[in-house]
PDB file of all heavy atoms in Angstrom:
ATOM      1  N   VAL A   1      64.547  21.747 163.870  1.00  0.00           N
ATOM      2  CA  VAL A   1      65.301  22.845 164.453  1.00  0.00           C
ATOM      3  C   VAL A   1      66.260  23.427 163.425  1.00  0.00           C
ATOM      4  O   VAL A   1      66.342  24.651 163.227  1.00  0.00           O
ATOM      5  CB  VAL A   1      66.024  22.413 165.715  1.00  0.00           C
ATOM      6  CG1 VAL A   1      67.025  23.470 166.174  1.00  0.00           C
ATOM      7  CG2 VAL A   1      65.041  22.057 166.845  1.00  0.00           C
ATOM      8  N   ASP A   2      67.009  22.573 162.751  1.00  0.00           N
ATOM      9  CA  ASP A   2      67.952  23.035 161.727  1.00  0.00           C
ATOM     10  C   ASP A   2      67.260  23.799 160.617  1.00  0.00           C
ATOM     11  O   ASP A   2      67.770  24.817 160.152  1.00  0.00           O
ATOM     12  CB  ASP A   2      68.763  21.876 161.156  1.00  0.00           C
ATOM     13  CG  ASP A   2      69.733  21.258 162.119  1.00  0.00           C
ATOM     14  OD1 ASP A   2      70.058  21.932 163.144  1.00  0.00           O
ATOM     15  OD2 ASP A   2      70.148  20.084 161.967  1.00  0.00           O
ATOM     16  N   LEU A   3      66.078  23.347 160.209  1.00  0.00           N
ATOM     17  CA  LEU A   3      65.323  24.065 159.163  1.00  0.00           C
ATOM     18  C   LEU A   3      64.928  25.467 159.626  1.00  0.00           C
ATOM     19  O   LEU A   3      65.012  26.460 158.896  1.00  0.00           O
ATOM     20  CB  LEU A   3      64.086  23.269 158.752  1.00  0.00           C
ATOM     21  CG  LEU A   3      64.346  22.035 157.912  1.00  0.00           C
ATOM     22  CD1 LEU A   3      63.084  21.152 157.854  1.00  0.00           C
ATOM     23  CD2 LEU A   3      64.754  22.437 156.513  1.00  0.00           C
ATOM     24  N   LEU A   4      64.500  25.535 160.902  1.00  0.00           N
ATOM     25  CA  LEU A   4      64.129  26.864 161.445  1.00  0.00           C
ATOM     26  C   LEU A   4      65.342  27.795 161.510  1.00  0.00           C
ATOM     27  O   LEU A   4      65.257  28.961 161.155  1.00  0.00           O
ATOM     28  CB  LEU A   4      63.515  26.720 162.839  1.00  0.00           C
ATOM     29  CG  LEU A   4      62.108  26.212 162.929  1.00  0.00           C
ATOM     30  CD1 LEU A   4      61.671  26.075 164.378  1.00  0.00           C
ATOM     31  CD2 LEU A   4      61.139  27.053 162.106  1.00  0.00           C
ATOM     32  N   LEU A   5      66.502  27.247 161.935  1.00  0.00           N
ATOM     33  CA  LEU A   5      67.684  28.064 162.040  1.00  0.00           C
ATOM     34  C   LEU A   5      68.184  28.567 160.678  1.00  0.00           C
ATOM     35  O   LEU A   5      68.700  29.659 160.541  1.00  0.00           O
ATOM     36  CB  LEU A   5      68.794  27.284 162.739  1.00  0.00           C
ATOM     37  CG  LEU A   5      68.537  26.965 164.217  1.00  0.00           C
ATOM     38  CD1 LEU A   5      69.640  26.048 164.734  1.00  0.00           C
ATOM     39  CD2 LEU A   5      68.429  28.222 165.029  1.00  0.00           C
ATOM     40  N   GLU A   6      67.965  27.755 159.626  1.00  0.00           N
ATOM     41  CA  GLU A   6      68.366  28.138 158.281  1.00  0.00           C
ATOM     42  C   GLU A   6      67.476  29.255 157.726  1.00  0.00           C
ATOM     43  O   GLU A   6      67.926  30.035 156.851  1.00  0.00           O
ATOM     44  CB  GLU A   6      68.280  26.925 157.307  1.00  0.00           C
ATOM     45  CG  GLU A   6      69.312  25.851 157.579  1.00  0.00           C
ATOM     46  CD  GLU A   6      69.058  24.608 156.746  1.00  0.00           C
ATOM     47  OE1 GLU A   6      68.178  24.625 155.841  1.00  0.00           O
ATOM     48  OE2 GLU A   6      69.732  23.584 157.008  1.00  0.00           O
ATOM     49  N   THR A   7      66.238  29.309 158.168  1.00  0.00           N
ATOM     50  CA  THR A   7      65.261  30.170 157.519  1.00  0.00           C
ATOM     51  C   THR A   7      64.880  31.397 158.336  1.00  0.00           C
ATOM     52  O   THR A   7      64.618  32.428 157.775  1.00  0.00           O
ATOM     53  CB  THR A   7      63.982  29.341 157.206  1.00  0.00           C
ATOM     54  OG1 THR A   7      64.373  28.206 156.459  1.00  0.00           O
ATOM     55  CG2 THR A   7      62.987  30.165 156.428  1.00  0.00           C
ATOM     56  N   TYR A   8      64.877  31.248 159.651  1.00  0.00           N
ATOM     57  CA  TYR A   8      64.429  32.339 160.543  1.00  0.00           C
ATOM     58  C   TYR A   8      65.561  32.801 161.459  1.00  0.00           C
ATOM     59  O   TYR A   8      66.482  32.071 161.772  1.00  0.00           O
ATOM     60  CB  TYR A   8      63.244  31.842 161.410  1.00  0.00           C
ATOM     61  CG  TYR A   8      62.001  31.484 160.600  1.00  0.00           C
ATOM     62  CD1 TYR A   8      61.763  30.144 160.250  1.00  0.00           C
ATOM     63  CD2 TYR A   8      61.135  32.440 160.166  1.00  0.00           C
ATOM     64  CE1 TYR A   8      60.638  29.813 159.473  1.00  0.00           C
ATOM     65  CE2 TYR A   8      60.006  32.124 159.410  1.00  0.00           C
ATOM     66  CZ  TYR A   8      59.780  30.776 159.080  1.00  0.00           C
ATOM     67  OH  TYR A   8      58.707  30.484 158.316  1.00  0.00           O
ATOM     68  N   ASP A   9      65.412  34.051 161.884  1.00  0.00           N
ATOM     69  CA  ASP A   9      66.390  34.617 162.834  1.00  0.00           C
ATOM     70  C   ASP A   9      65.925  34.211 164.252  1.00  0.00           C
ATOM     71  O   ASP A   9      65.194  34.963 164.913  1.00  0.00           O
ATOM     72  CB  ASP A   9      66.400  36.141 162.647  1.00  0.00           C
ATOM     73  CG  ASP A   9      67.443  36.792 163.584  1.00  0.00           C
ATOM     74  OD1 ASP A   9      68.380  36.102 164.024  1.00  0.00           O
ATOM     75  OD2 ASP A   9      67.310  37.979 163.836  1.00  0.00           O
ATOM     76  N   VAL A  10      66.338  33.042 164.672  1.00  0.00           N
ATOM     77  CA  VAL A  10      65.941  32.489 165.961  1.00  0.00           C
ATOM     78  C   VAL A  10      67.128  31.770 166.601  1.00  0.00           C
ATOM     79  O   VAL A  10      67.960  31.220 165.844  1.00  0.00           O
ATOM     80  CB  VAL A  10      64.716  31.589 165.813  1.00  0.00           C
ATOM     81  CG1 VAL A  10      65.023  30.376 164.958  1.00  0.00           C
ATOM     82  CG2 VAL A  10      64.140  31.138 167.136  1.00  0.00           C
ATOM     83  N   ASP A  11      67.231  31.746 167.908  1.00  0.00           N
ATOM     84  CA  ASP A  11      68.324  30.999 168.520  1.00  0.00           C
ATOM     85  C   ASP A  11      67.925  29.499 168.689  1.00  0.00           C
ATOM     86  O   ASP A  11      66.733  29.214 168.652  1.00  0.00           O
ATOM     87  CB  ASP A  11      68.684  31.598 169.925  1.00  0.00           C
ATOM     88  CG  ASP A  11      67.519  31.544 170.893  1.00  0.00           C
ATOM     89  OD1 ASP A  11      67.369  30.520 171.566  1.00  0.00           O
ATOM     90  OD2 ASP A  11      66.772  32.543 170.927  1.00  0.00           O
ATOM     91  N   ARG A  12      68.908  28.667 168.823  1.00  0.00           N
ATOM     92  CA  ARG A  12      68.680  27.225 168.866  1.00  0.00           C
ATOM     93  C   ARG A  12      67.757  26.825 170.023  1.00  0.00           C
ATOM     94  O   ARG A  12      66.855  25.993 169.835  1.00  0.00           O
ATOM     95  CB  ARG A  12      69.977  26.445 168.978  1.00  0.00           C
ATOM     96  CG  ARG A  12      69.809  24.937 169.006  1.00  0.00           C
ATOM     97  CD  ARG A  12      71.103  24.148 168.848  1.00  0.00           C
ATOM     98  NE  ARG A  12      71.543  24.166 167.437  1.00  0.00           N
ATOM     99  CZ  ARG A  12      71.078  23.370 166.505  1.00  0.00           C
ATOM    100  NH1 ARG A  12      70.104  22.527 166.773  1.00  0.00           N
ATOM    101  NH2 ARG A  12      71.604  23.439 165.289  1.00  0.00           N
ATOM    102  N   GLU A  13      67.916  27.421 171.186  1.00  0.00           N
ATOM    103  CA  GLU A  13      67.104  27.085 172.360  1.00  0.00           C
ATOM    104  C   GLU A  13      65.616  27.364 172.109  1.00  0.00           C
ATOM    105  O   GLU A  13      64.743  26.515 172.376  1.00  0.00           O
ATOM    106  CB  GLU A  13      67.541  27.853 173.584  1.00  0.00           C
ATOM    107  CG  GLU A  13      66.805  27.490 174.841  1.00  0.00           C
ATOM    108  CD  GLU A  13      67.293  28.295 176.020  1.00  0.00           C
ATOM    109  OE1 GLU A  13      68.505  28.500 176.164  1.00  0.00           O
ATOM    110  OE2 GLU A  13      66.443  28.687 176.819  1.00  0.00           O
ATOM    111  N   THR A  14      65.306  28.487 171.533  1.00  0.00           N
ATOM    112  CA  THR A  14      63.898  28.852 171.251  1.00  0.00           C
ATOM    113  C   THR A  14      63.373  27.938 170.179  1.00  0.00           C
ATOM    114  O   THR A  14      62.258  27.447 170.284  1.00  0.00           O
ATOM    115  CB  THR A  14      63.805  30.347 170.763  1.00  0.00           C
ATOM    116  OG1 THR A  14      64.301  31.166 171.805  1.00  0.00           O
ATOM    117  CG2 THR A  14      62.389  30.704 170.453  1.00  0.00           C
ATOM    118  N   ALA A  15      64.157  27.679 169.120  1.00  0.00           N
ATOM    119  CA  ALA A  15      63.728  26.800 168.021  1.00  0.00           C
ATOM    120  C   ALA A  15      63.435  25.408 168.589  1.00  0.00           C
ATOM    121  O   ALA A  15      62.410  24.811 168.251  1.00  0.00           O
ATOM    122  CB  ALA A  15      64.744  26.779 166.909  1.00  0.00           C
ATOM    123  N   ALA A  16      64.327  24.900 169.420  1.00  0.00           N
ATOM    124  CA  ALA A  16      64.149  23.554 169.969  1.00  0.00           C
ATOM    125  C   ALA A  16      62.880  23.457 170.850  1.00  0.00           C
ATOM    126  O   ALA A  16      62.119  22.472 170.764  1.00  0.00           O
ATOM    127  CB  ALA A  16      65.372  23.171 170.775  1.00  0.00           C
ATOM    128  N   ARG A  17      62.637  24.483 171.628  1.00  0.00           N
ATOM    129  CA  ARG A  17      61.469  24.510 172.479  1.00  0.00           C
ATOM    130  C   ARG A  17      60.177  24.514 171.607  1.00  0.00           C
ATOM    131  O   ARG A  17      59.212  23.793 171.865  1.00  0.00           O
ATOM    132  CB  ARG A  17      61.529  25.709 173.413  1.00  0.00           C
ATOM    133  CG  ARG A  17      60.384  25.758 174.449  1.00  0.00           C
ATOM    134  CD  ARG A  17      60.508  26.909 175.413  1.00  0.00           C
ATOM    135  NE  ARG A  17      60.638  28.202 174.715  1.00  0.00           N
ATOM    136  CZ  ARG A  17      61.727  28.996 174.769  1.00  0.00           C
ATOM    137  NH1 ARG A  17      62.790  28.627 175.460  1.00  0.00           N
ATOM    138  NH2 ARG A  17      61.765  30.119 174.131  1.00  0.00           N
ATOM    139  N   ASP A  18      60.192  25.353 170.593  1.00  0.00           N
ATOM    140  CA  ASP A  18      59.004  25.479 169.726  1.00  0.00           C
ATOM    141  C   ASP A  18      58.776  24.172 168.932  1.00  0.00           C
ATOM    142  O   ASP A  18      57.654  23.754 168.746  1.00  0.00           O
ATOM    143  CB  ASP A  18      59.167  26.663 168.761  1.00  0.00           C
ATOM    144  CG  ASP A  18      59.058  28.015 169.526  1.00  0.00           C
ATOM    145  OD1 ASP A  18      58.719  28.029 170.710  1.00  0.00           O
ATOM    146  OD2 ASP A  18      59.416  29.027 168.858  1.00  0.00           O
ATOM    147  N   VAL A  19      59.863  23.592 168.478  1.00  0.00           N
ATOM    148  CA  VAL A  19      59.747  22.352 167.702  1.00  0.00           C
ATOM    149  C   VAL A  19      59.236  21.190 168.602  1.00  0.00           C
ATOM    150  O   VAL A  19      58.388  20.387 168.156  1.00  0.00           O
ATOM    151  CB  VAL A  19      61.115  21.960 167.068  1.00  0.00           C
ATOM    152  CG1 VAL A  19      61.174  20.498 166.700  1.00  0.00           C
ATOM    153  CG2 VAL A  19      61.348  22.869 165.860  1.00  0.00           C
ATOM    154  N   ALA A  20      59.689  21.121 169.824  1.00  0.00           N
ATOM    155  CA  ALA A  20      59.207  20.071 170.734  1.00  0.00           C
ATOM    156  C   ALA A  20      57.702  20.189 170.949  1.00  0.00           C
ATOM    157  O   ALA A  20      56.957  19.211 170.910  1.00  0.00           O
ATOM    158  CB  ALA A  20      59.919  20.153 172.048  1.00  0.00           C
ATOM    159  N   ALA A  21      57.221  21.427 171.122  1.00  0.00           N
ATOM    160  CA  ALA A  21      55.795  21.716 171.300  1.00  0.00           C
ATOM    161  C   ALA A  21      55.025  21.340 169.993  1.00  0.00           C
ATOM    162  O   ALA A  21      53.953  20.704 170.069  1.00  0.00           O
ATOM    163  CB  ALA A  21      55.545  23.146 171.675  1.00  0.00           C
ATOM    164  N   LEU A  22      55.569  21.739 168.862  1.00  0.00           N
ATOM    165  CA  LEU A  22      54.891  21.460 167.615  1.00  0.00           C
ATOM    166  C   LEU A  22      54.785  19.956 167.343  1.00  0.00           C
ATOM    167  O   LEU A  22      53.754  19.437 166.992  1.00  0.00           O
ATOM    168  CB  LEU A  22      55.645  22.115 166.469  1.00  0.00           C
ATOM    169  CG  LEU A  22      55.086  21.889 165.084  1.00  0.00           C
ATOM    170  CD1 LEU A  22      53.724  22.530 164.923  1.00  0.00           C
ATOM    171  CD2 LEU A  22      56.050  22.398 163.990  1.00  0.00           C
ATOM    172  N   CYS A  23      55.872  19.218 167.582  1.00  0.00           N
ATOM    173  CA  CYS A  23      55.855  17.770 167.390  1.00  0.00           C
ATOM    174  C   CYS A  23      54.897  17.087 168.289  1.00  0.00           C
ATOM    175  O   CYS A  23      54.163  16.176 167.917  1.00  0.00           O
ATOM    176  CB  CYS A  23      57.258  17.196 167.516  1.00  0.00           C
ATOM    177  SG  CYS A  23      58.387  17.632 166.145  1.00  0.00           S
ATOM    178  N   ALA A  24      54.792  17.558 169.554  1.00  0.00           N
ATOM    179  CA  ALA A  24      53.890  16.975 170.493  1.00  0.00           C
ATOM    180  C   ALA A  24      52.434  17.186 170.015  1.00  0.00           C
ATOM    181  O   ALA A  24      51.591  16.279 170.094  1.00  0.00           O
ATOM    182  CB  ALA A  24      54.075  17.582 171.871  1.00  0.00           C
ATOM    183  N   GLN A  25      52.190  18.376 169.489  1.00  0.00           N
ATOM    184  CA  GLN A  25      50.838  18.688 168.965  1.00  0.00           C
ATOM    185  C   GLN A  25      50.494  17.815 167.763  1.00  0.00           C
ATOM    186  O   GLN A  25      49.416  17.256 167.664  1.00  0.00           O
ATOM    187  CB  GLN A  25      50.719  20.145 168.623  1.00  0.00           C
ATOM    188  CG  GLN A  25      50.655  21.047 169.796  1.00  0.00           C
ATOM    189  CD  GLN A  25      50.709  22.537 169.383  1.00  0.00           C
ATOM    190  OE1 GLN A  25      51.082  22.861 168.263  1.00  0.00           O
ATOM    191  NE2 GLN A  25      50.346  23.420 170.318  1.00  0.00           N
ATOM    192  N   TRP A  26      51.474  17.713 166.833  1.00  0.00           N
ATOM    193  CA  TRP A  26      51.227  16.877 165.625  1.00  0.00           C
ATOM    194  C   TRP A  26      50.959  15.440 166.000  1.00  0.00           C
ATOM    195  O   TRP A  26      50.069  14.795 165.428  1.00  0.00           O
ATOM    196  CB  TRP A  26      52.425  16.975 164.704  1.00  0.00           C
ATOM    197  CG  TRP A  26      52.541  18.247 163.908  1.00  0.00           C
ATOM    198  CD1 TRP A  26      51.661  19.293 163.925  1.00  0.00           C
ATOM    199  CD2 TRP A  26      53.547  18.576 162.988  1.00  0.00           C
ATOM    200  NE1 TRP A  26      52.113  20.279 163.052  1.00  0.00           N
ATOM    201  CE2 TRP A  26      53.260  19.883 162.498  1.00  0.00           C
ATOM    202  CE3 TRP A  26      54.690  17.983 162.582  1.00  0.00           C
ATOM    203  CZ2 TRP A  26      54.061  20.556 161.569  1.00  0.00           C
ATOM    204  CZ3 TRP A  26      55.486  18.614 161.645  1.00  0.00           C
ATOM    205  CH2 TRP A  26      55.176  19.897 161.123  1.00  0.00           C
TER     206      TRP A  26
END
């Protein structure tokens, strides 16, 4: 989440939701 926030224009809630889905897929 922190990496996404440093690099992309995204809010924490959206980043956290996307990261949770990505980690589950991985």
